[in-house]
């Protein structure tokens, strides 16, 4: 997936692993805030309980 705009997310529950572009994957847990730049390529692995709040700008 290639992002069309800048996106910020707050992890509400569950866990995930996120890779942005060619960076090392990062683990996401409740309370984690991540800002992704426009044009970033992302790859996600999430558990069944994962939920997040997104802010698009």
Protein backbone atom coordinates (compact mmCIF):
# COMPACT_ATOMS: atom_id res chain seq x y z
CA UNK A 1 0.00 0.00 0.00
CA UNK A 2 1.30 3.49 -0.88
CA UNK A 3 -0.09 6.31 1.26
CA UNK A 4 -1.84 9.17 -0.52
CA UNK A 5 -1.36 11.64 2.34
CA UNK A 6 0.30 12.01 5.72
CA UNK A 7 -1.31 9.70 8.27
CA UNK A 8 -0.99 9.47 12.05
CA UNK A 9 -2.33 6.58 14.09
CA UNK A 10 -2.82 5.76 17.75
CA UNK A 11 -2.96 2.08 18.68
CA UNK A 12 -5.99 1.47 20.92
CA UNK A 13 -5.78 -2.29 21.50
CA UNK A 14 -4.04 -5.44 20.37
CA UNK A 15 -0.67 -5.58 18.71
CA UNK A 16 0.83 -5.28 15.25
CA UNK A 17 4.10 -5.21 13.37
CA UNK A 18 4.54 -2.39 10.86
CA UNK A 19 7.24 -2.02 8.22
CA UNK A 20 7.57 1.38 6.51
CA UNK A 21 9.49 1.51 3.23
CA UNK A 22 12.74 -0.44 3.73
CA UNK A 23 13.08 0.30 7.47
CA UNK A 24 13.19 -2.44 10.07
CA UNK A 25 9.69 -3.52 11.22
CA UNK A 26 8.47 -1.98 14.47
CA UNK A 27 6.16 -3.51 17.06
CA UNK A 28 3.02 -1.54 17.87
CA UNK A 29 1.19 -1.81 21.20
CA UNK A 30 -1.63 0.18 22.85
CA UNK A 31 -0.59 3.80 23.33
CA UNK A 32 1.89 3.82 20.43
CA UNK A 33 1.61 6.82 18.09
CA UNK A 34 3.06 6.59 14.58
CA UNK A 35 3.17 9.25 11.84
CA UNK A 36 3.56 7.99 8.29
CA UNK A 37 4.63 10.34 5.49
CA UNK A 38 2.83 10.69 2.18
CA UNK A 39 4.15 8.19 -0.34
CA UNK A 40 5.30 5.69 2.30
CA UNK A 41 4.96 2.01 1.46
CA UNK A 42 3.67 -0.03 4.39
CA UNK A 43 3.36 -3.68 5.28
CA UNK A 44 1.22 -4.77 8.24
CA UNK A 45 0.83 -7.91 10.37
CA UNK A 46 -1.93 -7.50 12.99
CA UNK A 47 -3.64 -9.68 15.58
CA UNK A 48 -7.42 -10.13 15.83
CA UNK A 49 -7.74 -7.61 18.68
CA UNK A 50 -5.90 -4.79 16.85
CA UNK A 51 -7.73 -1.47 16.63
CA UNK A 52 -6.47 2.04 15.95
CA UNK A 53 -7.52 5.65 15.55
CA UNK A 54 -6.37 7.35 12.32
CA UNK A 55 -5.84 11.05 11.62
CA UNK A 56 -5.39 12.00 7.96
CA UNK A 57 -3.75 15.26 6.95
